[in-house]
Amino acid sequence: MSDAFKSIGQGLKEAIAHARGENLGKIHEIEIPDADVQAIRARTGLSQVEFAKSIGVKKSTLLNWEQHRRSPEGPARVLLALIDKDPSIVQRTLAHWHPDHPI
């Protein structure tokens, strides 16, 4: 048997086990602290419109977060934590995409 055939066979065995609820692997949960969205945005040097656009949310959503009417959840919370640690991460990471290119 070729290595490719063995690899495909192993992948199928793992997929069947997963479908049965076996060998689901480890789930890592990370506690992310509440974000001070206004302070995070300020460190990026972006306006509210620019910041909202850069993270893919509506300006009204950003305003609600900054005014503590709502809190970011899920992926937005993770993204804000990354930006908090590295304010230019979004611009650096996405710089090679053309503005009209879907992300």
PDB file of N, CA and C in Angstrom:
ATOM      1  N   MET A   1       0.837  -1.187   0.000  1.00  0.00           N
ATOM      2  CA  MET A   1       0.000   0.000   0.000  1.00  0.00           C
ATOM      3  C   MET A   1       0.882   1.250   0.000  1.00  0.00           C
ATOM      4  N   SER A   2       0.416   2.250  -0.716  1.00  0.00           N
ATOM      5  CA  SER A   2       1.159   3.506  -0.747  1.00  0.00           C
ATOM      6  C   SER A   2       0.904   4.298   0.532  1.00  0.00           C
ATOM      7  N   ASP A   3       1.786   5.249   0.792  1.00  0.00           N
ATOM      8  CA  ASP A   3       1.607   6.115   1.958  1.00  0.00           C
ATOM      9  C   ASP A   3       0.309   6.918   1.852  1.00  0.00           C
ATOM     10  N   ALA A   4      -0.013   7.352   0.638  1.00  0.00           N
ATOM     11  CA  ALA A   4      -1.243   8.129   0.433  1.00  0.00           C
ATOM     12  C   ALA A   4      -2.470   7.283   0.781  1.00  0.00           C
ATOM     13  N   PHE A   5      -2.471   6.026   0.337  1.00  0.00           N
ATOM     14  CA  PHE A   5      -3.596   5.134   0.625  1.00  0.00           C
ATOM     15  C   PHE A   5      -3.733   4.927   2.132  1.00  0.00           C
ATOM     16  N   LYS A   6      -2.610   4.716   2.825  1.00  0.00           N
ATOM     17  CA  LYS A   6      -2.630   4.531   4.282  1.00  0.00           C
ATOM     18  C   LYS A   6      -3.165   5.783   4.975  1.00  0.00           C
ATOM     19  N   SER A   7      -2.733   6.934   4.490  1.00  0.00           N
ATOM     20  CA  SER A   7      -3.162   8.197   5.095  1.00  0.00           C
ATOM     21  C   SER A   7      -4.662   8.408   4.914  1.00  0.00           C
ATOM     22  N   ILE A   8      -5.164   8.102   3.714  1.00  0.00           N
ATOM     23  CA  ILE A   8      -6.601   8.241   3.458  1.00  0.00           C
ATOM     24  C   ILE A   8      -7.383   7.264   4.329  1.00  0.00           C
ATOM     25  N   GLY A   9      -6.892   6.037   4.432  1.00  0.00           N
ATOM     26  CA  GLY A   9      -7.549   5.030   5.281  1.00  0.00           C
ATOM     27  C   GLY A   9      -7.604   5.472   6.729  1.00  0.00           C
ATOM     28  N   GLN A  10      -6.508   6.013   7.216  1.00  0.00           N
ATOM     29  CA  GLN A  10      -6.457   6.494   8.602  1.00  0.00           C
ATOM     30  C   GLN A  10      -7.430   7.649   8.799  1.00  0.00           C
ATOM     31  N   GLY A  11      -7.487   8.546   7.814  1.00  0.00           N
ATOM     32  CA  GLY A  11      -8.417   9.667   7.896  1.00  0.00           C
ATOM     33  C   GLY A  11      -9.864   9.205   7.944  1.00  0.00           C
ATOM     34  N   LEU A  12     -10.199   8.198   7.154  1.00  0.00           N
ATOM     35  CA  LEU A  12     -11.558   7.654   7.166  1.00  0.00           C
ATOM     36  C   LEU A  12     -11.881   7.016   8.513  1.00  0.00           C
ATOM     37  N   LYS A  13     -10.939   6.281   9.072  1.00  0.00           N
ATOM     38  CA  LYS A  13     -11.158   5.667  10.395  1.00  0.00           C
ATOM     39  C   LYS A  13     -11.416   6.748  11.444  1.00  0.00           C
ATOM     40  N   GLU A  14     -10.633   7.823  11.391  1.00  0.00           N
ATOM     41  CA  GLU A  14     -10.798   8.913  12.342  1.00  0.00           C
ATOM     42  C   GLU A  14     -12.147   9.608  12.146  1.00  0.00           C
ATOM     43  N   ALA A  15     -12.578   9.775  10.891  1.00  0.00           N
ATOM     44  CA  ALA A  15     -13.861  10.415  10.615  1.00  0.00           C
ATOM     45  C   ALA A  15     -15.016   9.572  11.144  1.00  0.00           C
ATOM     46  N   ILE A  16     -14.940   8.261  10.973  1.00  0.00           N
ATOM     47  CA  ILE A  16     -15.986   7.366  11.476  1.00  0.00           C
ATOM     48  C   ILE A  16     -16.032   7.414  13.000  1.00  0.00           C
ATOM     49  N   ALA A  17     -14.854   7.382  13.636  1.00  0.00           N
ATOM     50  CA  ALA A  17     -14.791   7.451  15.096  1.00  0.00           C
ATOM     51  C   ALA A  17     -15.384   8.773  15.590  1.00  0.00           C
ATOM     52  N   HIS A  18     -15.068   9.843  14.899  1.00  0.00           N
ATOM     53  CA  HIS A  18     -15.601  11.156  15.277  1.00  0.00           C
ATOM     54  C   HIS A  18     -17.122  11.171  15.155  1.00  0.00           C
ATOM     55  N   ALA A  19     -17.647  10.601  14.051  1.00  0.00           N
ATOM     56  CA  ALA A  19     -19.096  10.557  13.846  1.00  0.00           C
ATOM     57  C   ALA A  19     -19.792   9.758  14.937  1.00  0.00           C
ATOM     58  N   ARG A  20     -19.090   8.783  15.492  1.00  0.00           N
ATOM     59  CA  ARG A  20     -19.648   7.976  16.582  1.00  0.00           C
ATOM     60  C   ARG A  20     -19.498   8.660  17.939  1.00  0.00           C
ATOM     61  N   GLY A  21     -18.824   9.790  17.957  1.00  0.00           N
ATOM     62  CA  GLY A  21     -18.610  10.492  19.223  1.00  0.00           C
ATOM     63  C   GLY A  21     -17.378  10.032  19.958  1.00  0.00           C
ATOM     64  N   GLU A  22     -16.525   9.290  19.282  1.00  0.00           N
ATOM     65  CA  GLU A  22     -15.288   8.785  19.882  1.00  0.00           C
ATOM     66  C   GLU A  22     -14.120   9.701  19.506  1.00  0.00           C
ATOM     67  N   ASN A  23     -13.117   9.706  20.332  1.00  0.00           N
ATOM     68  CA  ASN A  23     -11.876  10.420  20.017  1.00  0.00           C
ATOM     69  C   ASN A  23     -12.118  11.842  19.517  1.00  0.00           C
ATOM     70  N   LEU A  24     -12.883  12.601  20.269  1.00  0.00           N
ATOM     71  CA  LEU A  24     -13.206  13.950  19.844  1.00  0.00           C
ATOM     72  C   LEU A  24     -12.062  14.933  20.079  1.00  0.00           C
ATOM     73  N   GLY A  25     -11.028  14.491  20.727  1.00  0.00           N
ATOM     74  CA  GLY A  25      -9.885  15.361  20.955  1.00  0.00           C
ATOM     75  C   GLY A  25     -10.084  16.252  22.164  1.00  0.00           C
ATOM     76  N   LYS A  26      -9.121  17.099  22.375  1.00  0.00           N
ATOM     77  CA  LYS A  26      -9.167  18.008  23.516  1.00  0.00           C
ATOM     78  C   LYS A  26      -9.791  19.333  23.101  1.00  0.00           C
ATOM     79  N   ILE A  27     -10.582  19.857  23.978  1.00  0.00           N
ATOM     80  CA  ILE A  27     -11.155  21.186  23.767  1.00  0.00           C
ATOM     81  C   ILE A  27     -10.478  22.127  24.749  1.00  0.00           C
ATOM     82  N   HIS A  28      -9.907  23.167  24.208  1.00  0.00           N
ATOM     83  CA  HIS A  28      -9.208  24.144  25.043  1.00  0.00           C
ATOM     84  C   HIS A  28     -10.080  25.386  25.164  1.00  0.00           C
ATOM     85  N   GLU A  29     -10.425  25.723  26.370  1.00  0.00           N
ATOM     86  CA  GLU A  29     -11.180  26.947  26.599  1.00  0.00           C
ATOM     87  C   GLU A  29     -10.239  27.983  27.175  1.00  0.00           C
ATOM     88  N   ILE A  30     -10.321  29.164  26.630  1.00  0.00           N
ATOM     89  CA  ILE A  30      -9.483  30.259  27.079  1.00  0.00           C
ATOM     90  C   ILE A  30     -10.401  31.352  27.612  1.00  0.00           C
ATOM     91  N   GLU A  31     -10.135  31.781  28.823  1.00  0.00           N
ATOM     92  CA  GLU A  31     -10.924  32.852  29.423  1.00  0.00           C
ATOM     93  C   GLU A  31     -10.387  34.182  28.911  1.00  0.00           C
ATOM     94  N   ILE A  32     -11.235  34.913  28.230  1.00  0.00           N
ATOM     95  CA  ILE A  32     -10.833  36.206  27.679  1.00  0.00           C
ATOM     96  C   ILE A  32     -11.501  37.294  28.512  1.00  0.00           C
ATOM     97  N   PRO A  33     -10.703  38.193  29.069  1.00  0.00           N
ATOM     98  CA  PRO A  33     -11.286  39.249  29.911  1.00  0.00           C
ATOM     99  C   PRO A  33     -12.150  40.205  29.098  1.00  0.00           C
ATOM    100  N   ASP A  34     -13.027  40.917  29.793  1.00  0.00           N
ATOM    101  CA  ASP A  34     -13.841  41.925  29.133  1.00  0.00           C
ATOM    102  C   ASP A  34     -12.933  42.952  28.470  1.00  0.00           C
ATOM    103  N   ALA A  35     -13.347  43.391  27.292  1.00  0.00           N
ATOM    104  CA  ALA A  35     -12.531  44.324  26.523  1.00  0.00           C
ATOM    105  C   ALA A  35     -12.979  45.762  26.747  1.00  0.00           C
ATOM    106  N   ASP A  36     -12.005  46.646  26.915  1.00  0.00           N
ATOM    107  CA  ASP A  36     -12.287  48.079  26.913  1.00  0.00           C
ATOM    108  C   ASP A  36     -12.167  48.513  25.456  1.00  0.00           C
ATOM    109  N   VAL A  37     -13.260  48.378  24.736  1.00  0.00           N
ATOM    110  CA  VAL A  37     -13.249  48.559  23.289  1.00  0.00           C
ATOM    111  C   VAL A  37     -12.782  49.957  22.892  1.00  0.00           C
ATOM    112  N   GLN A  38     -13.231  50.963  23.612  1.00  0.00           N
ATOM    113  CA  GLN A  38     -12.834  52.328  23.277  1.00  0.00           C
ATOM    114  C   GLN A  38     -11.320  52.512  23.414  1.00  0.00           C
ATOM    115  N   ALA A  39     -10.738  51.961  24.472  1.00  0.00           N
ATOM    116  CA  ALA A  39      -9.292  52.073  24.677  1.00  0.00           C
ATOM    117  C   ALA A  39      -8.526  51.286  23.617  1.00  0.00           C
ATOM    118  N   ILE A  40      -9.041  50.105  23.267  1.00  0.00           N
ATOM    119  CA  ILE A  40      -8.385  49.287  22.240  1.00  0.00           C
ATOM    120  C   ILE A  40      -8.392  50.035  20.907  1.00  0.00           C
ATOM    121  N   ARG A  41      -9.558  50.583  20.545  1.00  0.00           N
ATOM    122  CA  ARG A  41      -9.645  51.334  19.290  1.00  0.00           C
ATOM    123  C   ARG A  41      -8.716  52.542  19.306  1.00  0.00           C
ATOM    124  N   ALA A  42      -8.663  53.238  20.421  1.00  0.00           N
ATOM    125  CA  ALA A  42      -7.807  54.430  20.527  1.00  0.00           C
ATOM    126  C   ALA A  42      -6.343  54.078  20.261  1.00  0.00           C
ATOM    127  N   ARG A  43      -5.909  52.916  20.766  1.00  0.00           N
ATOM    128  CA  ARG A  43      -4.512  52.508  20.549  1.00  0.00           C
ATOM    129  C   ARG A  43      -4.215  52.186  19.088  1.00  0.00           C
ATOM    130  N   THR A  44      -5.254  51.867  18.308  1.00  0.00           N
ATOM    131  CA  THR A  44      -5.030  51.600  16.883  1.00  0.00           C
ATOM    132  C   THR A  44      -4.869  52.890  16.089  1.00  0.00           C
ATOM    133  N   GLY A  45      -5.368  54.001  16.654  1.00  0.00           N
ATOM    134  CA  GLY A  45      -5.311  55.273  15.941  1.00  0.00           C
ATOM    135  C   GLY A  45      -6.387  55.411  14.877  1.00  0.00           C
ATOM    136  N   LEU A  46      -7.356  54.501  14.867  1.00  0.00           N
ATOM    137  CA  LEU A  46      -8.408  54.534  13.859  1.00  0.00           C
ATOM    138  C   LEU A  46      -9.658  55.223  14.398  1.00  0.00           C
ATOM    139  N   SER A  47     -10.399  55.833  13.486  1.00  0.00           N
ATOM    140  CA  SER A  47     -11.687  56.404  13.852  1.00  0.00           C
ATOM    141  C   SER A  47     -12.666  55.269  14.106  1.00  0.00           C
ATOM    142  N   GLN A  48     -13.827  55.595  14.628  1.00  0.00           N
ATOM    143  CA  GLN A  48     -14.837  54.561  14.862  1.00  0.00           C
ATOM    144  C   GLN A  48     -15.230  53.879  13.553  1.00  0.00           C
ATOM    145  N   VAL A  49     -15.429  54.655  12.514  1.00  0.00           N
ATOM    146  CA  VAL A  49     -15.809  54.089  11.217  1.00  0.00           C
ATOM    147  C   VAL A  49     -14.713  53.174  10.692  1.00  0.00           C
ATOM    148  N   GLU A  50     -13.466  53.646  10.736  1.00  0.00           N
ATOM    149  CA  GLU A  50     -12.343  52.850  10.236  1.00  0.00           C
ATOM    150  C   GLU A  50     -12.166  51.566  11.039  1.00  0.00           C
ATOM    151  N   PHE A  51     -12.256  51.678  12.355  1.00  0.00           N
ATOM    152  CA  PHE A  51     -12.061  50.508  13.212  1.00  0.00           C
ATOM    153  C   PHE A  51     -13.175  49.488  12.989  1.00  0.00           C
ATOM    154  N   ALA A  52     -14.414  49.961  12.956  1.00  0.00           N
ATOM    155  CA  ALA A  52     -15.545  49.054  12.732  1.00  0.00           C
ATOM    156  C   ALA A  52     -15.374  48.323  11.406  1.00  0.00           C
ATOM    157  N   LYS A  53     -15.012  49.053  10.378  1.00  0.00           N
ATOM    158  CA  LYS A  53     -14.819  48.446   9.053  1.00  0.00           C
ATOM    159  C   LYS A  53     -13.671  47.433   9.089  1.00  0.00           C
ATOM    160  N   SER A  54     -12.610  47.755   9.813  1.00  0.00           N
ATOM    161  CA  SER A  54     -11.437  46.868   9.830  1.00  0.00           C
ATOM    162  C   SER A  54     -11.704  45.539  10.525  1.00  0.00           C
ATOM    163  N   ILE A  55     -12.678  45.512  11.448  1.00  0.00           N
ATOM    164  CA  ILE A  55     -12.972  44.251  12.137  1.00  0.00           C
ATOM    165  C   ILE A  55     -14.292  43.635  11.677  1.00  0.00           C
ATOM    166  N   GLY A  56     -14.912  44.261  10.677  1.00  0.00           N
ATOM    167  CA  GLY A  56     -16.094  43.674  10.068  1.00  0.00           C
ATOM    168  C   GLY A  56     -17.382  43.793  10.855  1.00  0.00           C
ATOM    169  N   VAL A  57     -17.539  44.902  11.583  1.00  0.00           N
ATOM    170  CA  VAL A  57     -18.796  45.143  12.299  1.00  0.00           C
ATOM    171  C   VAL A  57     -19.351  46.496  11.877  1.00  0.00           C
ATOM    172  N   LYS A  58     -20.631  46.682  12.146  1.00  0.00           N
ATOM    173  CA  LYS A  58     -21.261  47.973  11.864  1.00  0.00           C
ATOM    174  C   LYS A  58     -20.790  49.000  12.892  1.00  0.00           C
ATOM    175  N   LYS A  59     -20.793  50.265  12.461  1.00  0.00           N
ATOM    176  CA  LYS A  59     -20.408  51.334  13.386  1.00  0.00           C
ATOM    177  C   LYS A  59     -21.336  51.332  14.597  1.00  0.00           C
ATOM    178  N   SER A  60     -22.616  51.060  14.395  1.00  0.00           N
ATOM    179  CA  SER A  60     -23.559  51.054  15.514  1.00  0.00           C
ATOM    180  C   SER A  60     -23.201  49.967  16.532  1.00  0.00           C
ATOM    181  N   THR A  61     -22.711  48.841  16.051  1.00  0.00           N
ATOM    182  CA  THR A  61     -22.273  47.771  16.963  1.00  0.00           C
ATOM    183  C   THR A  61     -21.096  48.253  17.798  1.00  0.00           C
ATOM    184  N   LEU A  62     -20.127  48.872  17.128  1.00  0.00           N
ATOM    185  CA  LEU A  62     -18.962  49.402  17.832  1.00  0.00           C
ATOM    186  C   LEU A  62     -19.386  50.433  18.879  1.00  0.00           C
ATOM    187  N   LEU A  63     -20.299  51.327  18.512  1.00  0.00           N
ATOM    188  CA  LEU A  63     -20.781  52.339  19.462  1.00  0.00           C
ATOM    189  C   LEU A  63     -21.428  51.682  20.679  1.00  0.00           C
ATOM    190  N   ASN A  64     -22.223  50.656  20.447  1.00  0.00           N
ATOM    191  CA  ASN A  64     -22.847  49.950  21.570  1.00  0.00           C
ATOM    192  C   ASN A  64     -21.798  49.322  22.483  1.00  0.00           C
ATOM    193  N   TRP A  65     -20.741  48.781  21.912  1.00  0.00           N
ATOM    194  CA  TRP A  65     -19.665  48.208  22.730  1.00  0.00           C
ATOM    195  C   TRP A  65     -18.949  49.306  23.517  1.00  0.00           C
ATOM    196  N   GLU A  66     -18.616  50.397  22.827  1.00  0.00           N
ATOM    197  CA  GLU A  66     -17.866  51.469  23.482  1.00  0.00           C
ATOM    198  C   GLU A  66     -18.682  52.142  24.581  1.00  0.00           C
ATOM    199  N   GLN A  67     -19.996  52.191  24.419  1.00  0.00           N
ATOM    200  CA  GLN A  67     -20.854  52.834  25.408  1.00  0.00           C
ATOM    201  C   GLN A  67     -21.435  51.818  26.402  1.00  0.00           C
ATOM    202  N   HIS A  68     -20.916  50.610  26.373  1.00  0.00           N
ATOM    203  CA  HIS A  68     -21.262  49.536  27.314  1.00  0.00           C
ATOM    204  C   HIS A  68     -22.752  49.162  27.313  1.00  0.00           C
ATOM    205  N   ARG A  69     -23.411  49.397  26.192  1.00  0.00           N
ATOM    206  CA  ARG A  69     -24.803  48.946  26.060  1.00  0.00           C
ATOM    207  C   ARG A  69     -24.850  47.464  25.689  1.00  0.00           C
ATOM    208  N   ARG A  70     -23.803  47.020  25.015  1.00  0.00           N
ATOM    209  CA  ARG A  70     -23.657  45.614  24.640  1.00  0.00           C
ATOM    210  C   ARG A  70     -22.191  45.240  24.804  1.00  0.00           C
ATOM    211  N   SER A  71     -21.937  43.932  24.843  1.00  0.00           N
ATOM    212  CA  SER A  71     -20.559  43.439  24.957  1.00  0.00           C
ATOM    213  C   SER A  71     -20.238  42.538  23.787  1.00  0.00           C
ATOM    214  N   PRO A  72     -19.026  42.643  23.276  1.00  0.00           N
ATOM    215  CA  PRO A  72     -18.635  41.738  22.192  1.00  0.00           C
ATOM    216  C   PRO A  72     -18.607  40.297  22.702  1.00  0.00           C
ATOM    217  N   GLU A  73     -18.956  39.365  21.822  1.00  0.00           N
ATOM    218  CA  GLU A  73     -18.980  37.956  22.194  1.00  0.00           C
ATOM    219  C   GLU A  73     -18.267  37.135  21.130  1.00  0.00           C
ATOM    220  N   GLY A  74     -17.931  35.922  21.488  1.00  0.00           N
ATOM    221  CA  GLY A  74     -17.388  34.952  20.544  1.00  0.00           C
ATOM    222  C   GLY A  74     -16.154  35.448  19.814  1.00  0.00           C
ATOM    223  N   PRO A  75     -16.144  35.279  18.472  1.00  0.00           N
ATOM    224  CA  PRO A  75     -14.977  35.654  17.678  1.00  0.00           C
ATOM    225  C   PRO A  75     -14.601  37.125  17.803  1.00  0.00           C
ATOM    226  N   ALA A  76     -15.593  38.008  17.965  1.00  0.00           N
ATOM    227  CA  ALA A  76     -15.284  39.434  18.109  1.00  0.00           C
ATOM    228  C   ALA A  76     -14.472  39.674  19.372  1.00  0.00           C
ATOM    229  N   ARG A  77     -14.815  38.965  20.427  1.00  0.00           N
ATOM    230  CA  ARG A  77     -14.096  39.107  21.694  1.00  0.00           C
ATOM    231  C   ARG A  77     -12.643  38.641  21.555  1.00  0.00           C
ATOM    232  N   VAL A  78     -12.455  37.545  20.823  1.00  0.00           N
ATOM    233  CA  VAL A  78     -11.104  37.032  20.586  1.00  0.00           C
ATOM    234  C   VAL A  78     -10.312  38.028  19.740  1.00  0.00           C
ATOM    235  N   LEU A  79     -10.938  38.532  18.671  1.00  0.00           N
ATOM    236  CA  LEU A  79     -10.260  39.497  17.806  1.00  0.00           C
ATOM    237  C   LEU A  79      -9.861  40.747  18.585  1.00  0.00           C
ATOM    238  N   LEU A  80     -10.746  41.237  19.427  1.00  0.00           N
ATOM    239  CA  LEU A  80     -10.422  42.421  20.228  1.00  0.00           C
ATOM    240  C   LEU A  80      -9.276  42.140  21.199  1.00  0.00           C
ATOM    241  N   ALA A  81      -9.212  40.934  21.744  1.00  0.00           N
ATOM    242  CA  ALA A  81      -8.100  40.573  22.635  1.00  0.00           C
ATOM    243  C   ALA A  81      -6.786  40.583  21.867  1.00  0.00           C
ATOM    244  N   LEU A  82      -6.807  40.094  20.626  1.00  0.00           N
ATOM    245  CA  LEU A  82      -5.595  40.124  19.798  1.00  0.00           C
ATOM    246  C   LEU A  82      -5.179  41.558  19.495  1.00  0.00           C
ATOM    247  N   ILE A  83      -6.151  42.393  19.144  1.00  0.00           N
ATOM    248  CA  ILE A  83      -5.849  43.794  18.839  1.00  0.00           C
ATOM    249  C   ILE A  83      -5.354  44.513  20.087  1.00  0.00           C
ATOM    250  N   ASP A  84      -5.880  44.142  21.246  1.00  0.00           N
ATOM    251  CA  ASP A  84      -5.433  44.735  22.500  1.00  0.00           C
ATOM    252  C   ASP A  84      -3.941  44.471  22.723  1.00  0.00           C
ATOM    253  N   LYS A  85      -3.499  43.269  22.379  1.00  0.00           N
ATOM    254  CA  LYS A  85      -2.080  42.912  22.547  1.00  0.00           C
ATOM    255  C   LYS A  85      -1.203  43.489  21.439  1.00  0.00           C
ATOM    256  N   ASP A  86      -1.774  43.634  20.237  1.00  0.00           N
ATOM    257  CA  ASP A  86      -1.014  44.097  19.079  1.00  0.00           C
ATOM    258  C   ASP A  86      -1.927  44.966  18.210  1.00  0.00           C
ATOM    259  N   PRO A  87      -1.989  46.276  18.497  1.00  0.00           N
ATOM    260  CA  PRO A  87      -2.951  47.153  17.835  1.00  0.00           C
ATOM    261  C   PRO A  87      -2.908  47.178  16.300  1.00  0.00           C
ATOM    262  N   SER A  88      -1.806  46.799  15.684  1.00  0.00           N
ATOM    263  CA  SER A  88      -1.738  46.852  14.216  1.00  0.00           C
ATOM    264  C   SER A  88      -1.891  45.475  13.570  1.00  0.00           C
ATOM    265  N   ILE A  89      -2.286  44.459  14.352  1.00  0.00           N
ATOM    266  CA  ILE A  89      -2.341  43.098  13.823  1.00  0.00           C
ATOM    267  C   ILE A  89      -3.281  42.966  12.624  1.00  0.00           C
ATOM    268  N   VAL A  90      -4.435  43.606  12.660  1.00  0.00           N
ATOM    269  CA  VAL A  90      -5.394  43.478  11.559  1.00  0.00           C
ATOM    270  C   VAL A  90      -4.828  44.126  10.297  1.00  0.00           C
ATOM    271  N   GLN A  91      -4.324  45.340  10.411  1.00  0.00           N
ATOM    272  CA  GLN A  91      -3.800  46.031   9.241  1.00  0.00           C
ATOM    273  C   GLN A  91      -2.610  45.276   8.635  1.00  0.00           C
ATOM    274  N   ARG A  92      -1.701  44.783   9.465  1.00  0.00           N
ATOM    275  CA  ARG A  92      -0.540  44.034   8.957  1.00  0.00           C
ATOM    276  C   ARG A  92      -0.963  42.724   8.295  1.00  0.00           C
ATOM    277  N   THR A  93      -1.869  42.031   8.949  1.00  0.00           N
ATOM    278  CA  THR A  93      -2.270  40.717   8.470  1.00  0.00           C
ATOM    279  C   THR A  93      -3.040  40.805   7.161  1.00  0.00           C
ATOM    280  N   LEU A  94      -3.894  41.805   7.029  1.00  0.00           N
ATOM    281  CA  LEU A  94      -4.743  41.909   5.842  1.00  0.00           C
ATOM    282  C   LEU A  94      -4.209  42.874   4.786  1.00  0.00           C
ATOM    283  N   ALA A  95      -3.012  43.416   4.992  1.00  0.00           N
ATOM    284  CA  ALA A  95      -2.468  44.444   4.104  1.00  0.00           C
ATOM    285  C   ALA A  95      -2.315  43.978   2.659  1.00  0.00           C
ATOM    286  N   HIS A  96      -2.072  42.701   2.436  1.00  0.00           N
ATOM    287  CA  HIS A  96      -1.824  42.234   1.073  1.00  0.00           C
ATOM    288  C   HIS A  96      -3.104  42.040   0.263  1.00  0.00           C
ATOM    289  N   TRP A  97      -4.274  42.096   0.928  1.00  0.00           N
ATOM    290  CA  TRP A  97      -5.524  41.955   0.187  1.00  0.00           C
ATOM    291  C   TRP A  97      -5.931  43.280  -0.423  1.00  0.00           C
ATOM    292  N   HIS A  98      -6.412  43.215  -1.622  1.00  0.00           N
ATOM    293  CA  HIS A  98      -6.961  44.406  -2.297  1.00  0.00           C
ATOM    294  C   HIS A  98      -8.263  44.770  -1.594  1.00  0.00           C
ATOM    295  N   PRO A  99      -8.581  46.050  -1.440  1.00  0.00           N
ATOM    296  CA  PRO A  99      -9.807  46.451  -0.732  1.00  0.00           C
ATOM    297  C   PRO A  99     -11.082  45.795  -1.292  1.00  0.00           C
ATOM    298  N   ASP A 100     -11.104  45.477  -2.568  1.00  0.00           N
ATOM    299  CA  ASP A 100     -12.290  44.873  -3.172  1.00  0.00           C
ATOM    300  C   ASP A 100     -12.285  43.345  -3.080  1.00  0.00           C
ATOM    301  N   HIS A 101     -11.195  42.782  -2.581  1.00  0.00           N
ATOM    302  CA  HIS A 101     -11.073  41.329  -2.483  1.00  0.00           C
ATOM    303  C   HIS A 101     -11.826  40.837  -1.260  1.00  0.00           C
ATOM    304  N   PRO A 102     -12.723  39.838  -1.435  1.00  0.00           N
ATOM    305  CA  PRO A 102     -13.431  39.320  -0.256  1.00  0.00           C
ATOM    306  C   PRO A 102     -12.478  38.621   0.684  1.00  0.00           C
ATOM    307  N   ILE A 103     -12.622  38.869   1.964  1.00  0.00           N
ATOM    308  CA  ILE A 103     -11.735  38.275   2.957  1.00  0.00           C
ATOM    309  C   ILE A 103     -12.282  36.934   3.373  1.00  0.00           C
TER     310      ILE A 103
END
